[in-house]
Amino acid sequence: MDESTAALAVAIGTRVRQERQARGWTLDQLAEAAGVSRRMVVNVEQGAANPSVGTLLRISDALGVGLPALVETPQPKPLKVIRNGAGAVLWSGEAGGRAMLMAGTEPPDLTELWDWTLGPGDAHASEAHNPGTKELMQVQRGTVRLEVAGEPVILAAGDAATFPGDVTHGYANPGPGQARFSLAVFVPGVASGPHRHREQS
């Protein structure tokens, strides 16, 4: 892990531990609620792991706090400013792509704003998210192949799409250059009780 990734891992671990202890949960209880191993919870809390976005989503959903609460620095003011490039990088592609969580609202109804870059040939597949999840995306640069429930569509710069996030979906860059798109994810009722685990957006 590089320095910024390591610092993010420690910050996430501290927040996970605080949220778990605030609920009076043991490590085993959180692991069971999140559907991950006890060892993974320990590693995350110690900042020793660089967990996948899927693992972080499972843990944040189990805690009912939403992913942005785990990766953002707490700020007392209602206005939160995240400077260019300062979001949390939660996925990296083999061809240089990355998914950066730029901003998010607090539960119970969660909205996440992502900045995605896909290198040539990069692809990312997502499992179905919580029931009722909706996603909106707009391509800023290049070409993105969006596939929703097995139906593909090609989007060029300036094109936008809306789709249900509670079905399998994925993004790929079929072009020779870099592709970039913004993604907004709306997840209703994160803190309202048990629900299906999300994979990364």
N, C-alpha and C. Protein backbone atom coordinates (compact mmCIF):
# COMPACT_ATOMS: atom_id res chain seq x y z
N MET A 1 0.85 -1.19 0.00
CA MET A 1 0.00 0.00 0.00
C MET A 1 0.88 1.24 0.00
N ASP A 2 0.50 2.26 -0.80
CA ASP A 2 1.25 3.50 -0.74
C ASP A 2 0.79 4.29 0.49
N GLU A 3 1.41 5.44 0.71
CA GLU A 3 1.16 6.19 1.94
C GLU A 3 -0.29 6.64 2.06
N SER A 4 -0.87 7.15 0.96
CA SER A 4 -2.25 7.64 1.04
C SER A 4 -3.23 6.48 1.23
N THR A 5 -2.96 5.35 0.57
CA THR A 5 -3.83 4.18 0.74
C THR A 5 -3.74 3.67 2.17
N ALA A 6 -2.53 3.65 2.73
CA ALA A 6 -2.35 3.19 4.10
C ALA A 6 -3.07 4.12 5.08
N ALA A 7 -2.97 5.43 4.86
CA ALA A 7 -3.65 6.39 5.74
C ALA A 7 -5.16 6.21 5.67
N LEU A 8 -5.68 5.98 4.46
CA LEU A 8 -7.12 5.75 4.31
C LEU A 8 -7.53 4.47 5.03
N ALA A 9 -6.72 3.41 4.91
CA ALA A 9 -7.03 2.14 5.57
C ALA A 9 -7.11 2.31 7.08
N VAL A 10 -6.18 3.09 7.66
CA VAL A 10 -6.19 3.34 9.10
C VAL A 10 -7.43 4.14 9.50
N ALA A 11 -7.77 5.16 8.71
CA ALA A 11 -8.95 5.98 9.02
C ALA A 11 -10.23 5.15 8.95
N ILE A 12 -10.33 4.30 7.93
CA ILE A 12 -11.50 3.42 7.81
C ILE A 12 -11.56 2.47 8.99
N GLY A 13 -10.42 1.89 9.36
CA GLY A 13 -10.38 0.95 10.48
C GLY A 13 -10.82 1.59 11.78
N THR A 14 -10.37 2.81 12.02
CA THR A 14 -10.77 3.53 13.23
C THR A 14 -12.27 3.76 13.26
N ARG A 15 -12.82 4.16 12.11
CA ARG A 15 -14.27 4.44 12.05
C ARG A 15 -15.09 3.16 12.21
N VAL A 16 -14.64 2.07 11.60
CA VAL A 16 -15.35 0.79 11.74
C VAL A 16 -15.37 0.36 13.20
N ARG A 17 -14.21 0.46 13.86
CA ARG A 17 -14.13 0.07 15.27
C ARG A 17 -15.05 0.94 16.14
N GLN A 18 -15.04 2.26 15.89
CA GLN A 18 -15.90 3.17 16.65
C GLN A 18 -17.38 2.82 16.46
N GLU A 19 -17.77 2.58 15.22
CA GLU A 19 -19.18 2.26 14.94
C GLU A 19 -19.56 0.91 15.56
N ARG A 20 -18.67 -0.07 15.49
CA ARG A 20 -18.95 -1.39 16.08
C ARG A 20 -19.08 -1.28 17.58
N GLN A 21 -18.14 -0.57 18.23
CA GLN A 21 -18.17 -0.44 19.68
C GLN A 21 -19.37 0.37 20.15
N ALA A 22 -19.78 1.37 19.36
CA ALA A 22 -20.96 2.18 19.71
C ALA A 22 -22.22 1.33 19.76
N ARG A 23 -22.23 0.23 19.00
CA ARG A 23 -23.38 -0.68 18.98
C ARG A 23 -23.23 -1.81 19.99
N GLY A 24 -22.07 -1.87 20.65
CA GLY A 24 -21.82 -2.94 21.60
C GLY A 24 -21.64 -4.30 20.93
N TRP A 25 -21.20 -4.27 19.67
CA TRP A 25 -21.03 -5.52 18.92
C TRP A 25 -19.63 -6.08 19.12
N THR A 26 -19.52 -7.39 19.13
CA THR A 26 -18.23 -8.05 19.10
C THR A 26 -17.75 -8.10 17.65
N LEU A 27 -16.48 -8.46 17.48
CA LEU A 27 -15.95 -8.65 16.13
C LEU A 27 -16.75 -9.72 15.39
N ASP A 28 -17.10 -10.80 16.11
CA ASP A 28 -17.86 -11.88 15.50
C ASP A 28 -19.25 -11.42 15.05
N GLN A 29 -19.89 -10.57 15.86
CA GLN A 29 -21.23 -10.09 15.50
C GLN A 29 -21.18 -9.24 14.23
N LEU A 30 -20.17 -8.37 14.12
CA LEU A 30 -20.05 -7.55 12.91
C LEU A 30 -19.73 -8.43 11.71
N ALA A 31 -18.83 -9.38 11.90
CA ALA A 31 -18.48 -10.27 10.80
C ALA A 31 -19.70 -11.02 10.28
N GLU A 32 -20.53 -11.52 11.22
CA GLU A 32 -21.72 -12.26 10.82
C GLU A 32 -22.72 -11.35 10.11
N ALA A 33 -22.93 -10.15 10.66
CA ALA A 33 -23.90 -9.22 10.05
C ALA A 33 -23.45 -8.77 8.66
N ALA A 34 -22.13 -8.66 8.47
CA ALA A 34 -21.61 -8.18 7.19
C ALA A 34 -21.36 -9.31 6.19
N GLY A 35 -21.36 -10.55 6.68
CA GLY A 35 -21.10 -11.67 5.78
C GLY A 35 -19.64 -11.75 5.36
N VAL A 36 -18.74 -11.33 6.25
CA VAL A 36 -17.30 -11.44 6.00
C VAL A 36 -16.66 -12.20 7.15
N SER A 37 -15.41 -12.59 6.99
CA SER A 37 -14.74 -13.34 8.04
C SER A 37 -14.35 -12.42 9.21
N ARG A 38 -14.21 -13.04 10.39
CA ARG A 38 -13.76 -12.29 11.56
C ARG A 38 -12.36 -11.73 11.28
N ARG A 39 -11.50 -12.51 10.64
CA ARG A 39 -10.14 -12.07 10.33
C ARG A 39 -10.18 -10.82 9.46
N MET A 40 -11.12 -10.75 8.50
CA MET A 40 -11.22 -9.56 7.65
C MET A 40 -11.62 -8.34 8.48
N VAL A 41 -12.57 -8.51 9.42
CA VAL A 41 -12.97 -7.38 10.28
C VAL A 41 -11.78 -6.91 11.10
N VAL A 42 -11.03 -7.86 11.68
CA VAL A 42 -9.84 -7.51 12.46
C VAL A 42 -8.83 -6.74 11.60
N ASN A 43 -8.56 -7.26 10.40
CA ASN A 43 -7.60 -6.60 9.51
C ASN A 43 -8.06 -5.20 9.12
N VAL A 44 -9.36 -5.04 8.84
CA VAL A 44 -9.89 -3.72 8.49
C VAL A 44 -9.74 -2.77 9.66
N GLU A 45 -10.13 -3.21 10.86
CA GLU A 45 -10.06 -2.33 12.03
C GLU A 45 -8.62 -1.94 12.36
N GLN A 46 -7.68 -2.81 12.09
CA GLN A 46 -6.27 -2.51 12.37
C GLN A 46 -5.61 -1.71 11.25
N GLY A 47 -6.35 -1.50 10.17
CA GLY A 47 -5.80 -0.76 9.04
C GLY A 47 -4.75 -1.56 8.29
N ALA A 48 -4.75 -2.88 8.53
CA ALA A 48 -3.74 -3.75 7.92
C ALA A 48 -4.16 -4.22 6.54
N ALA A 49 -5.44 -4.10 6.24
CA ALA A 49 -5.96 -4.61 4.97
C ALA A 49 -6.24 -3.46 4.03
N ASN A 50 -6.20 -3.78 2.73
CA ASN A 50 -6.68 -2.86 1.71
C ASN A 50 -7.92 -3.54 1.14
N PRO A 51 -9.05 -3.47 1.90
CA PRO A 51 -10.22 -4.26 1.53
C PRO A 51 -10.85 -3.80 0.23
N SER A 52 -11.53 -4.74 -0.43
CA SER A 52 -12.24 -4.40 -1.66
C SER A 52 -13.41 -3.48 -1.32
N VAL A 53 -13.90 -2.79 -2.34
CA VAL A 53 -15.07 -1.94 -2.15
C VAL A 53 -16.24 -2.80 -1.70
N GLY A 54 -16.34 -4.02 -2.25
CA GLY A 54 -17.43 -4.92 -1.85
C GLY A 54 -17.41 -5.20 -0.37
N THR A 55 -16.22 -5.47 0.19
CA THR A 55 -16.09 -5.74 1.62
C THR A 55 -16.48 -4.51 2.43
N LEU A 56 -16.01 -3.34 2.01
CA LEU A 56 -16.36 -2.10 2.73
C LEU A 56 -17.85 -1.83 2.68
N LEU A 57 -18.48 -2.11 1.53
CA LEU A 57 -19.92 -1.91 1.42
C LEU A 57 -20.67 -2.86 2.35
N ARG A 58 -20.22 -4.11 2.43
CA ARG A 58 -20.86 -5.07 3.32
C ARG A 58 -20.77 -4.61 4.78
N ILE A 59 -19.59 -4.12 5.17
CA ILE A 59 -19.39 -3.67 6.55
C ILE A 59 -20.20 -2.41 6.83
N SER A 60 -20.14 -1.43 5.92
CA SER A 60 -20.86 -0.17 6.15
C SER A 60 -22.37 -0.40 6.15
N ASP A 61 -22.85 -1.29 5.29
CA ASP A 61 -24.29 -1.60 5.28
C ASP A 61 -24.69 -2.30 6.57
N ALA A 62 -23.85 -3.23 7.05
CA ALA A 62 -24.16 -3.94 8.30
C ALA A 62 -24.24 -2.97 9.47
N LEU A 63 -23.36 -1.96 9.45
CA LEU A 63 -23.36 -0.96 10.51
C LEU A 63 -24.47 0.08 10.31
N GLY A 64 -25.04 0.11 9.10
CA GLY A 64 -26.12 1.07 8.82
C GLY A 64 -25.65 2.49 8.67
N VAL A 65 -24.38 2.68 8.28
CA VAL A 65 -23.84 4.04 8.18
C VAL A 65 -23.57 4.47 6.75
N GLY A 66 -23.49 3.54 5.82
CA GLY A 66 -23.19 3.91 4.44
C GLY A 66 -21.70 4.07 4.23
N LEU A 67 -21.25 3.78 3.03
CA LEU A 67 -19.84 3.82 2.70
C LEU A 67 -19.21 5.21 2.87
N PRO A 68 -19.87 6.31 2.47
CA PRO A 68 -19.22 7.62 2.64
C PRO A 68 -18.81 7.90 4.08
N ALA A 69 -19.60 7.43 5.05
CA ALA A 69 -19.27 7.68 6.46
C ALA A 69 -17.97 7.01 6.87
N LEU A 70 -17.59 5.93 6.19
CA LEU A 70 -16.35 5.24 6.55
C LEU A 70 -15.12 5.89 5.93
N VAL A 71 -15.29 6.59 4.80
CA VAL A 71 -14.11 7.10 4.10
C VAL A 71 -13.94 8.61 4.20
N GLU A 72 -14.97 9.33 4.65
CA GLU A 72 -14.86 10.78 4.75
C GLU A 72 -14.33 11.18 6.11
N THR A 73 -13.56 12.25 6.15
CA THR A 73 -13.13 12.82 7.42
C THR A 73 -14.30 13.57 8.02
N PRO A 74 -14.65 13.26 9.30
CA PRO A 74 -15.78 13.96 9.92
C PRO A 74 -15.55 15.47 9.92
N GLN A 75 -16.58 16.22 9.55
CA GLN A 75 -16.51 17.67 9.54
C GLN A 75 -17.73 18.22 10.25
N PRO A 76 -17.55 19.19 11.15
CA PRO A 76 -18.68 19.70 11.92
C PRO A 76 -19.64 20.57 11.11
N LYS A 77 -19.18 21.11 9.99
CA LYS A 77 -20.01 22.01 9.21
C LYS A 77 -20.89 21.22 8.24
N PRO A 78 -22.10 21.76 7.93
CA PRO A 78 -22.97 21.06 6.98
C PRO A 78 -22.41 21.06 5.56
N LEU A 79 -21.56 22.03 5.24
CA LEU A 79 -20.96 22.08 3.90
C LEU A 79 -19.67 21.27 3.93
N LYS A 80 -19.59 20.28 3.05
CA LYS A 80 -18.39 19.48 2.94
C LYS A 80 -17.80 19.71 1.55
N VAL A 81 -16.54 20.06 1.49
CA VAL A 81 -15.87 20.30 0.22
C VAL A 81 -14.80 19.24 0.05
N ILE A 82 -14.84 18.54 -1.06
CA ILE A 82 -13.81 17.56 -1.39
C ILE A 82 -13.09 18.10 -2.62
N ARG A 83 -11.84 18.41 -2.46
CA ARG A 83 -11.07 19.03 -3.55
C ARG A 83 -10.75 18.01 -4.64
N ASN A 84 -10.45 18.53 -5.82
CA ASN A 84 -10.13 17.71 -6.97
C ASN A 84 -9.03 16.69 -6.61
N GLY A 85 -9.32 15.42 -6.85
CA GLY A 85 -8.34 14.37 -6.59
C GLY A 85 -8.27 13.91 -5.15
N ALA A 86 -9.09 14.49 -4.27
CA ALA A 86 -9.00 14.17 -2.84
C ALA A 86 -10.03 13.13 -2.39
N GLY A 87 -10.79 12.57 -3.31
CA GLY A 87 -11.75 11.54 -2.94
C GLY A 87 -11.03 10.25 -2.56
N ALA A 88 -11.79 9.28 -2.09
CA ALA A 88 -11.24 7.99 -1.69
C ALA A 88 -11.22 7.05 -2.89
N VAL A 89 -10.02 6.61 -3.31
CA VAL A 89 -9.90 5.68 -4.43
C VAL A 89 -10.19 4.28 -3.90
N LEU A 90 -11.30 3.70 -4.36
CA LEU A 90 -11.76 2.42 -3.81
C LEU A 90 -11.72 1.28 -4.82
N TRP A 91 -11.28 1.56 -6.05
CA TRP A 91 -11.08 0.50 -7.05
C TRP A 91 -10.03 0.98 -8.03
N SER A 92 -9.15 0.07 -8.41
CA SER A 92 -8.14 0.38 -9.43
C SER A 92 -8.19 -0.69 -10.51
N GLY A 93 -8.13 -0.26 -11.76
CA GLY A 93 -8.15 -1.19 -12.89
C GLY A 93 -6.75 -1.52 -13.36
N GLU A 94 -6.64 -2.59 -14.12
CA GLU A 94 -5.33 -3.04 -14.61
C GLU A 94 -4.74 -2.08 -15.63
N ALA A 95 -5.58 -1.31 -16.32
CA ALA A 95 -5.09 -0.40 -17.35
C ALA A 95 -5.04 1.05 -16.87
N GLY A 96 -5.01 1.23 -15.54
CA GLY A 96 -4.89 2.58 -14.99
C GLY A 96 -6.20 3.21 -14.57
N GLY A 97 -7.29 2.50 -14.67
CA GLY A 97 -8.57 3.06 -14.25
C GLY A 97 -8.69 3.14 -12.74
N ARG A 98 -9.64 3.93 -12.29
CA ARG A 98 -9.90 4.03 -10.85
C ARG A 98 -11.31 4.52 -10.61
N ALA A 99 -11.85 4.13 -9.47
CA ALA A 99 -13.15 4.62 -9.02
C ALA A 99 -12.92 5.39 -7.73
N MET A 100 -13.27 6.67 -7.74
CA MET A 100 -13.04 7.53 -6.59
C MET A 100 -14.38 8.00 -6.04
N LEU A 101 -14.64 7.67 -4.77
CA LEU A 101 -15.85 8.15 -4.10
C LEU A 101 -15.58 9.59 -3.68
N MET A 102 -16.27 10.53 -4.32
CA MET A 102 -16.00 11.95 -4.09
C MET A 102 -16.81 12.51 -2.93
N ALA A 103 -18.07 12.11 -2.82
CA ALA A 103 -18.93 12.70 -1.80
C ALA A 103 -20.12 11.78 -1.56
N GLY A 104 -20.75 11.95 -0.41
CA GLY A 104 -21.93 11.15 -0.11
C GLY A 104 -22.74 11.78 1.00
N THR A 105 -24.01 11.45 1.01
CA THR A 105 -24.90 11.94 2.06
C THR A 105 -24.96 10.91 3.18
N GLU A 106 -25.63 11.27 4.26
CA GLU A 106 -25.75 10.39 5.41
C GLU A 106 -27.03 9.58 5.31
N PRO A 107 -27.07 8.41 5.99
CA PRO A 107 -28.28 7.59 6.01
C PRO A 107 -29.43 8.37 6.66
N PRO A 108 -30.67 7.92 6.48
CA PRO A 108 -31.02 6.60 5.97
C PRO A 108 -31.01 6.48 4.44
N ASP A 109 -31.33 7.54 3.73
CA ASP A 109 -31.31 7.48 2.27
C ASP A 109 -29.98 8.05 1.81
N LEU A 110 -29.19 7.22 1.16
CA LEU A 110 -27.80 7.55 0.86
C LEU A 110 -27.66 7.90 -0.62
N THR A 111 -26.89 8.95 -0.91
CA THR A 111 -26.52 9.27 -2.28
C THR A 111 -25.01 9.37 -2.32
N GLU A 112 -24.42 8.67 -3.29
CA GLU A 112 -22.96 8.68 -3.45
C GLU A 112 -22.63 9.30 -4.80
N LEU A 113 -21.55 10.08 -4.85
CA LEU A 113 -21.07 10.66 -6.09
C LEU A 113 -19.67 10.11 -6.37
N TRP A 114 -19.54 9.43 -7.51
CA TRP A 114 -18.29 8.77 -7.89
C TRP A 114 -17.69 9.43 -9.13
N ASP A 115 -16.36 9.41 -9.20
CA ASP A 115 -15.61 9.85 -10.38
C ASP A 115 -14.86 8.62 -10.88
N TRP A 116 -15.27 8.10 -12.04
CA TRP A 116 -14.69 6.88 -12.59
C TRP A 116 -13.79 7.20 -13.77
N THR A 117 -12.66 6.52 -13.84
CA THR A 117 -11.77 6.54 -15.00
C THR A 117 -11.52 5.10 -15.40
N LEU A 118 -11.61 4.82 -16.69
CA LEU A 118 -11.33 3.48 -17.20
C LEU A 118 -10.24 3.59 -18.27
N GLY A 119 -9.15 2.87 -18.07
CA GLY A 119 -8.12 2.81 -19.10
C GLY A 119 -8.60 1.92 -20.24
N PRO A 120 -7.91 1.92 -21.37
CA PRO A 120 -8.31 1.07 -22.50
C PRO A 120 -8.39 -0.40 -22.06
N GLY A 121 -9.55 -1.00 -22.24
CA GLY A 121 -9.74 -2.40 -21.88
C GLY A 121 -10.17 -2.63 -20.44
N ASP A 122 -10.13 -1.59 -19.59
CA ASP A 122 -10.58 -1.75 -18.20
C ASP A 122 -12.07 -2.10 -18.18
N ALA A 123 -12.44 -2.95 -17.25
CA ALA A 123 -13.84 -3.33 -17.08
C ALA A 123 -14.10 -3.57 -15.60
N HIS A 124 -15.32 -3.31 -15.18
CA HIS A 124 -15.71 -3.54 -13.79
C HIS A 124 -17.14 -4.07 -13.78
N ALA A 125 -17.34 -5.19 -13.09
CA ALA A 125 -18.68 -5.78 -12.96
C ALA A 125 -19.17 -5.60 -11.53
N SER A 126 -20.47 -5.36 -11.38
CA SER A 126 -21.07 -5.15 -10.08
C SER A 126 -22.23 -6.11 -9.87
N GLU A 127 -22.33 -6.62 -8.65
CA GLU A 127 -23.50 -7.39 -8.27
C GLU A 127 -24.67 -6.43 -8.08
N ALA A 128 -25.86 -6.99 -7.93
CA ALA A 128 -27.03 -6.17 -7.63
C ALA A 128 -26.86 -5.53 -6.25
N HIS A 129 -27.21 -4.25 -6.15
CA HIS A 129 -27.15 -3.54 -4.87
C HIS A 129 -28.47 -3.73 -4.13
N ASN A 130 -28.65 -2.97 -3.04
CA ASN A 130 -29.87 -3.04 -2.25
C ASN A 130 -31.10 -2.79 -3.12
N PRO A 131 -32.23 -3.43 -2.79
CA PRO A 131 -33.47 -3.16 -3.53
C PRO A 131 -33.78 -1.66 -3.55
N GLY A 132 -34.16 -1.16 -4.70
CA GLY A 132 -34.52 0.25 -4.83
C GLY A 132 -33.36 1.16 -5.22
N THR A 133 -32.14 0.62 -5.29
CA THR A 133 -30.98 1.44 -5.66
C THR A 133 -31.13 1.91 -7.11
N LYS A 134 -30.79 3.18 -7.33
CA LYS A 134 -30.84 3.77 -8.67
C LYS A 134 -29.49 4.42 -8.96
N GLU A 135 -29.08 4.37 -10.23
CA GLU A 135 -27.80 4.97 -10.61
C GLU A 135 -28.00 5.88 -11.82
N LEU A 136 -27.21 6.95 -11.84
CA LEU A 136 -27.19 7.88 -12.96
C LEU A 136 -25.74 8.09 -13.35
N MET A 137 -25.46 8.08 -14.63
CA MET A 137 -24.09 8.31 -15.06
C MET A 137 -24.04 9.22 -16.27
N GLN A 138 -22.93 9.95 -16.39
CA GLN A 138 -22.69 10.76 -17.58
C GLN A 138 -21.22 10.62 -17.97
N VAL A 139 -21.01 10.34 -19.25
CA VAL A 139 -19.65 10.17 -19.77
C VAL A 139 -19.07 11.54 -20.09
N GLN A 140 -17.89 11.81 -19.54
CA GLN A 140 -17.20 13.08 -19.82
C GLN A 140 -16.21 12.93 -20.96
N ARG A 141 -15.57 11.74 -21.06
CA ARG A 141 -14.50 11.56 -22.04
C ARG A 141 -14.50 10.11 -22.50
N GLY A 142 -14.23 9.91 -23.78
CA GLY A 142 -14.11 8.55 -24.31
C GLY A 142 -15.44 7.86 -24.51
N THR A 143 -15.38 6.54 -24.50
CA THR A 143 -16.54 5.69 -24.72
C THR A 143 -16.66 4.68 -23.59
N VAL A 144 -17.88 4.47 -23.10
CA VAL A 144 -18.13 3.50 -22.04
C VAL A 144 -19.19 2.52 -22.50
N ARG A 145 -18.90 1.25 -22.32
CA ARG A 145 -19.90 0.21 -22.57
C ARG A 145 -20.57 -0.10 -21.24
N LEU A 146 -21.83 0.29 -21.12
CA LEU A 146 -22.63 0.03 -19.92
C LEU A 146 -23.48 -1.21 -20.18
N GLU A 147 -23.45 -2.14 -19.24
CA GLU A 147 -24.30 -3.33 -19.36
C GLU A 147 -25.16 -3.44 -18.11
N VAL A 148 -26.48 -3.49 -18.31
CA VAL A 148 -27.42 -3.56 -17.20
C VAL A 148 -28.31 -4.78 -17.41
N ALA A 149 -28.28 -5.72 -16.47
CA ALA A 149 -29.07 -6.95 -16.55
C ALA A 149 -28.87 -7.65 -17.89
N GLY A 150 -27.62 -7.68 -18.36
CA GLY A 150 -27.30 -8.39 -19.59
C GLY A 150 -27.53 -7.61 -20.87
N GLU A 151 -28.02 -6.37 -20.76
CA GLU A 151 -28.29 -5.54 -21.94
C GLU A 151 -27.20 -4.48 -22.08
N PRO A 152 -26.38 -4.56 -23.15
CA PRO A 152 -25.30 -3.58 -23.32
C PRO A 152 -25.75 -2.35 -24.11
N VAL A 153 -25.09 -1.22 -23.82
CA VAL A 153 -25.29 0.00 -24.59
C VAL A 153 -23.95 0.75 -24.60
N ILE A 154 -23.65 1.40 -25.71
CA ILE A 154 -22.43 2.19 -25.82
C ILE A 154 -22.77 3.65 -25.59
N LEU A 155 -22.02 4.29 -24.69
CA LEU A 155 -22.22 5.70 -24.38
C LEU A 155 -20.96 6.48 -24.77
N ALA A 156 -21.16 7.60 -25.46
CA ALA A 156 -20.05 8.46 -25.87
C ALA A 156 -20.03 9.69 -24.98
N ALA A 157 -18.95 10.48 -25.10
CA ALA A 157 -18.82 11.70 -24.30
C ALA A 157 -20.07 12.56 -24.42
N GLY A 158 -20.59 12.98 -23.28
CA GLY A 158 -21.81 13.80 -23.24
C GLY A 158 -23.07 12.99 -23.03
N ASP A 159 -23.03 11.68 -23.35
CA ASP A 159 -24.20 10.83 -23.15
C ASP A 159 -24.41 10.55 -21.65
N ALA A 160 -25.68 10.35 -21.29
CA ALA A 160 -26.02 10.03 -19.90
C ALA A 160 -26.99 8.85 -19.89
N ALA A 161 -27.06 8.17 -18.76
CA ALA A 161 -27.97 7.03 -18.62
C ALA A 161 -28.45 6.95 -17.19
N THR A 162 -29.65 6.44 -17.02
CA THR A 162 -30.17 6.11 -15.69
C THR A 162 -30.54 4.63 -15.73
N PHE A 163 -30.32 3.94 -14.62
CA PHE A 163 -30.62 2.51 -14.59
C PHE A 163 -30.78 2.02 -13.16
N PRO A 164 -31.46 0.89 -12.99
CA PRO A 164 -31.59 0.33 -11.65
C PRO A 164 -30.25 -0.27 -11.20
N GLY A 165 -29.85 0.03 -9.97
CA GLY A 165 -28.63 -0.53 -9.44
C GLY A 165 -28.86 -1.84 -8.71
N ASP A 166 -30.12 -2.25 -8.62
CA ASP A 166 -30.43 -3.49 -7.90
C ASP A 166 -30.50 -4.70 -8.83
N VAL A 167 -29.84 -4.57 -9.99
CA VAL A 167 -29.62 -5.69 -10.89
C VAL A 167 -28.13 -5.71 -11.23
N THR A 168 -27.63 -6.82 -11.75
CA THR A 168 -26.22 -6.86 -12.12
C THR A 168 -25.94 -5.83 -13.21
N HIS A 169 -24.78 -5.21 -13.12
CA HIS A 169 -24.41 -4.18 -14.10
C HIS A 169 -22.89 -4.05 -14.14
N GLY A 170 -22.40 -3.38 -15.17
CA GLY A 170 -20.96 -3.22 -15.28
C GLY A 170 -20.60 -2.16 -16.29
N TYR A 171 -19.34 -1.73 -16.21
CA TYR A 171 -18.82 -0.68 -17.08
C TYR A 171 -17.54 -1.18 -17.72
N ALA A 172 -17.32 -0.83 -18.97
CA ALA A 172 -16.09 -1.21 -19.66
C ALA A 172 -15.70 -0.12 -20.63
N ASN A 173 -14.42 -0.04 -20.92
CA ASN A 173 -13.91 0.92 -21.90
C ASN A 173 -13.46 0.15 -23.13
N PRO A 174 -14.27 0.19 -24.21
CA PRO A 174 -13.91 -0.53 -25.43
C PRO A 174 -12.99 0.28 -26.35
N GLY A 175 -12.75 1.54 -26.00
CA GLY A 175 -11.99 2.42 -26.89
C GLY A 175 -10.50 2.37 -26.65
N PRO A 176 -9.73 3.04 -27.52
CA PRO A 176 -8.27 3.03 -27.43
C PRO A 176 -7.72 4.02 -26.41
N GLY A 177 -8.54 5.01 -26.01
CA GLY A 177 -8.07 6.02 -25.06
C GLY A 177 -8.77 5.88 -23.72
N GLN A 178 -8.46 6.79 -22.82
CA GLN A 178 -9.05 6.78 -21.49
C GLN A 178 -10.51 7.22 -21.56
N ALA A 179 -11.34 6.61 -20.71
CA ALA A 179 -12.74 7.02 -20.58
C ALA A 179 -12.96 7.51 -19.16
N ARG A 180 -13.83 8.50 -19.02
CA ARG A 180 -14.13 9.04 -17.69
C ARG A 180 -15.62 9.31 -17.60
N PHE A 181 -16.20 8.96 -16.45
CA PHE A 181 -17.62 9.26 -16.25
C PHE A 181 -17.91 9.54 -14.79
N SER A 182 -18.96 10.33 -14.57
CA SER A 182 -19.47 10.59 -13.23
C SER A 182 -20.61 9.63 -12.97
N LEU A 183 -20.72 9.17 -11.73
CA LEU A 183 -21.76 8.22 -11.36
C LEU A 183 -22.38 8.66 -10.05
N ALA A 184 -23.71 8.77 -10.03
CA ALA A 184 -24.44 9.05 -8.79
C ALA A 184 -25.24 7.80 -8.45
N VAL A 185 -25.15 7.37 -7.19
CA VAL A 185 -25.84 6.17 -6.73
C VAL A 185 -26.76 6.55 -5.58
N PHE A 186 -28.04 6.24 -5.73
CA PHE A 186 -29.02 6.48 -4.67
C PHE A 186 -29.40 5.15 -4.04
N VAL A 187 -29.20 5.04 -2.73
CA VAL A 187 -29.49 3.80 -2.00
C VAL A 187 -30.48 4.13 -0.89
N PRO A 188 -31.75 3.71 -1.03
CA PRO A 188 -32.74 4.04 -0.01
C PRO A 188 -32.62 3.15 1.23
N GLY A 189 -32.90 3.75 2.38
CA GLY A 189 -33.06 2.99 3.61
C GLY A 189 -31.87 2.19 4.08
N VAL A 190 -30.65 2.76 3.99
CA VAL A 190 -29.46 2.02 4.41
C VAL A 190 -29.53 1.65 5.89
N ALA A 191 -30.06 2.52 6.72
CA ALA A 191 -30.06 2.26 8.16
C ALA A 191 -31.37 1.66 8.65
N SER A 192 -32.19 1.16 7.74
CA SER A 192 -33.53 0.72 8.13
C SER A 192 -33.61 -0.75 8.49
N GLY A 193 -32.48 -1.44 8.52
CA GLY A 193 -32.54 -2.84 8.94
C GLY A 193 -31.85 -3.75 7.96
N PRO A 194 -32.01 -5.06 8.17
CA PRO A 194 -31.31 -6.03 7.32
C PRO A 194 -31.71 -5.89 5.85
N HIS A 195 -30.75 -6.06 4.99
CA HIS A 195 -31.01 -6.01 3.55
C HIS A 195 -29.88 -6.71 2.84
N ARG A 196 -30.03 -6.87 1.56
CA ARG A 196 -28.99 -7.52 0.77
C ARG A 196 -27.72 -6.68 0.77
N HIS A 197 -26.60 -7.36 0.73
CA HIS A 197 -25.33 -6.66 0.67
C HIS A 197 -25.11 -6.09 -0.71
N ARG A 198 -24.43 -4.96 -0.75
CA ARG A 198 -24.07 -4.34 -2.03
C ARG A 198 -22.67 -4.76 -2.40
N GLU A 199 -22.43 -4.82 -3.68
CA GLU A 199 -21.07 -4.86 -4.16
C GLU A 199 -20.76 -3.44 -4.60
N GLN A 200 -19.55 -3.19 -4.98
CA GLN A 200 -19.19 -1.85 -5.38
C GLN A 200 -20.01 -1.39 -6.57
N SER A 201 -20.19 -0.08 -6.64
CA SER A 201 -20.99 0.50 -7.70
C SER A 201 -20.34 0.27 -9.03
